[in-house]
Protein backbone atom coordinates (compact mmCIF):
# COMPACT_ATOMS: atom_id res chain seq x y z
CA GLN A 1 18.01 -75.88 -30.82
CA VAL A 2 15.68 -77.18 -28.11
CA GLN A 3 15.58 -80.92 -27.57
CA LEU A 4 12.45 -82.40 -26.03
CA VAL A 5 12.20 -85.92 -24.65
CA GLU A 6 8.84 -87.37 -23.71
CA SER A 7 8.35 -90.24 -21.29
CA GLY A 8 5.63 -91.96 -19.30
CA GLY A 9 3.44 -93.32 -22.04
CA GLY A 10 2.07 -96.83 -21.92
CA LEU A 11 -0.97 -99.04 -21.85
CA VAL A 12 -3.83 -98.32 -19.46
CA GLN A 13 -7.41 -99.47 -19.13
CA ALA A 14 -10.30 -97.13 -19.80
CA GLY A 15 -11.04 -95.03 -16.74
CA GLY A 16 -7.43 -95.17 -15.60
CA SER A 17 -4.80 -92.48 -15.27
CA LEU A 18 -1.40 -91.81 -16.75
CA ARG A 19 1.12 -88.99 -16.52
CA VAL A 20 3.45 -88.14 -19.35
CA SER A 21 6.48 -85.91 -18.96
CA CYS A 22 8.59 -83.84 -21.30
CA ALA A 23 12.14 -82.88 -20.38
CA ALA A 24 13.73 -80.02 -22.30
CA SER A 25 17.36 -79.25 -22.94
CA GLU A 26 16.61 -75.52 -22.87
CA SER A 27 17.59 -73.82 -19.60
CA ASN A 28 15.33 -70.84 -20.39
CA LEU A 29 12.23 -72.96 -20.83
CA LYS A 30 10.26 -70.53 -18.69
CA PHE A 31 10.04 -68.17 -21.67
CA TYR A 32 8.47 -70.76 -23.95
CA VAL A 33 4.83 -71.59 -24.52
CA MET A 34 4.69 -75.33 -23.96
CA GLY A 35 2.10 -77.77 -25.17
CA TRP A 36 0.99 -81.31 -25.73
CA TYR A 37 -0.38 -82.51 -29.04
CA ARG A 38 -1.49 -85.96 -30.12
CA GLN A 39 -1.88 -87.91 -33.31
CA ALA A 40 -3.96 -91.03 -33.72
CA PRO A 41 -3.55 -93.35 -36.72
CA GLY A 42 -5.15 -91.83 -39.80
CA ASN A 43 -5.75 -88.51 -38.08
CA GLN A 44 -4.01 -85.17 -38.13
CA ARG A 45 -2.00 -83.99 -35.16
CA GLU A 46 -4.26 -82.09 -32.79
CA LEU A 47 -3.84 -79.79 -29.84
CA VAL A 48 -4.38 -81.31 -26.42
CA ALA A 49 -3.25 -78.56 -24.05
CA THR A 50 -0.93 -75.58 -23.80
CA ILE A 51 0.56 -73.58 -20.96
CA THR A 52 2.11 -70.15 -21.27
CA SER A 53 5.15 -68.79 -19.47
CA GLY A 54 2.75 -67.16 -17.02
CA GLY A 55 0.92 -70.40 -16.33
CA THR A 56 -2.23 -69.76 -18.36
CA THR A 57 -3.61 -73.04 -19.65
CA ASN A 58 -5.75 -73.97 -22.61
CA TYR A 59 -7.36 -77.34 -23.34
CA ALA A 60 -9.09 -79.07 -26.19
CA ASP A 61 -12.77 -79.54 -25.44
CA SER A 62 -12.36 -83.29 -25.60
CA VAL A 63 -9.99 -83.35 -22.60
CA LYS A 64 -11.30 -80.52 -20.43
CA GLY A 65 -11.90 -81.66 -16.90
CA ARG A 66 -9.88 -84.84 -17.40
CA PHE A 67 -6.38 -83.67 -18.34
CA THR A 68 -4.11 -81.21 -16.55
CA ILE A 69 -1.01 -79.61 -18.02
CA SER A 70 1.65 -78.22 -15.71
CA ARG A 71 5.23 -77.04 -15.85
CA ASP A 72 8.22 -77.03 -13.55
CA ASN A 73 10.59 -74.42 -14.94
CA ALA A 74 13.27 -75.27 -12.39
CA LYS A 75 13.40 -78.80 -13.82
CA ASN A 76 12.83 -77.70 -17.45
CA THR A 77 9.96 -80.16 -17.56
CA ILE A 78 6.28 -80.13 -18.37
CA TYR A 79 3.68 -82.73 -17.49
CA LEU A 80 0.32 -83.92 -18.69
CA GLN A 81 -1.78 -85.67 -16.07
CA MET A 82 -4.47 -87.70 -17.80
CA ASN A 83 -7.40 -89.01 -15.79
CA SER A 84 -10.57 -90.86 -16.78
CA LEU A 85 -8.87 -92.03 -19.94
CA LYS A 86 -10.97 -93.20 -22.86
CA PRO A 87 -10.08 -95.46 -25.79
CA GLU A 88 -10.35 -92.42 -28.06
CA ASP A 89 -7.41 -90.87 -26.17
CA THR A 90 -5.18 -93.50 -27.77
CA ALA A 91 -2.51 -91.69 -29.77
CA ILE A 92 1.11 -90.68 -29.90
CA TYR A 93 1.54 -87.69 -27.61
CA TYR A 94 4.03 -85.05 -28.65
CA CYS A 95 5.60 -82.30 -26.60
CA ASN A 96 5.92 -78.86 -28.20
CA ALA A 97 7.94 -75.79 -27.25
CA ARG A 98 7.27 -72.52 -28.98
CA LEU A 99 9.24 -69.26 -28.95
CA LEU A 100 9.53 -67.65 -32.38
CA ARG A 101 9.66 -71.19 -33.77
CA ASN A 102 8.37 -74.62 -32.91
CA PHE A 103 10.29 -77.54 -31.45
CA TRP A 104 8.92 -81.07 -31.18
CA GLY A 105 9.75 -84.19 -29.25
CA GLN A 106 9.77 -87.66 -30.72
CA GLY A 107 6.47 -88.63 -29.11
CA THR A 108 5.31 -91.22 -26.61
CA GLN A 109 2.61 -93.79 -27.24
CA VAL A 110 -0.49 -93.81 -25.05
CA THR A 111 -2.86 -96.72 -25.52
CA VAL A 112 -6.18 -96.95 -23.70
CA SER A 113 -7.90 -100.32 -23.80
CA SER A 114 -11.64 -100.71 -23.49
């Protein structure tokens, strides 16, 4: 069982930046595909970004060029650097770890004010 704990969410003005982190209990995190998803009120959970064990990244079109996903396997942690934030980025951001099955964190709220 992999436990994921997100942190770093908060309130920021449009155009600002925020970095969210996800710490995992799994010591072999390097083998997992890691990702960030988000869910806004009334919407389905959607993919934001993923990063493979080899470091290959994938982004939703809506965040390309603004968000950067990264991982530090030595610290069992992944990050999502969010720049040029928009009000439509407001959502709960969830960390995901995937290796044969999915594991989810409890989420962290990101609110972007206009």
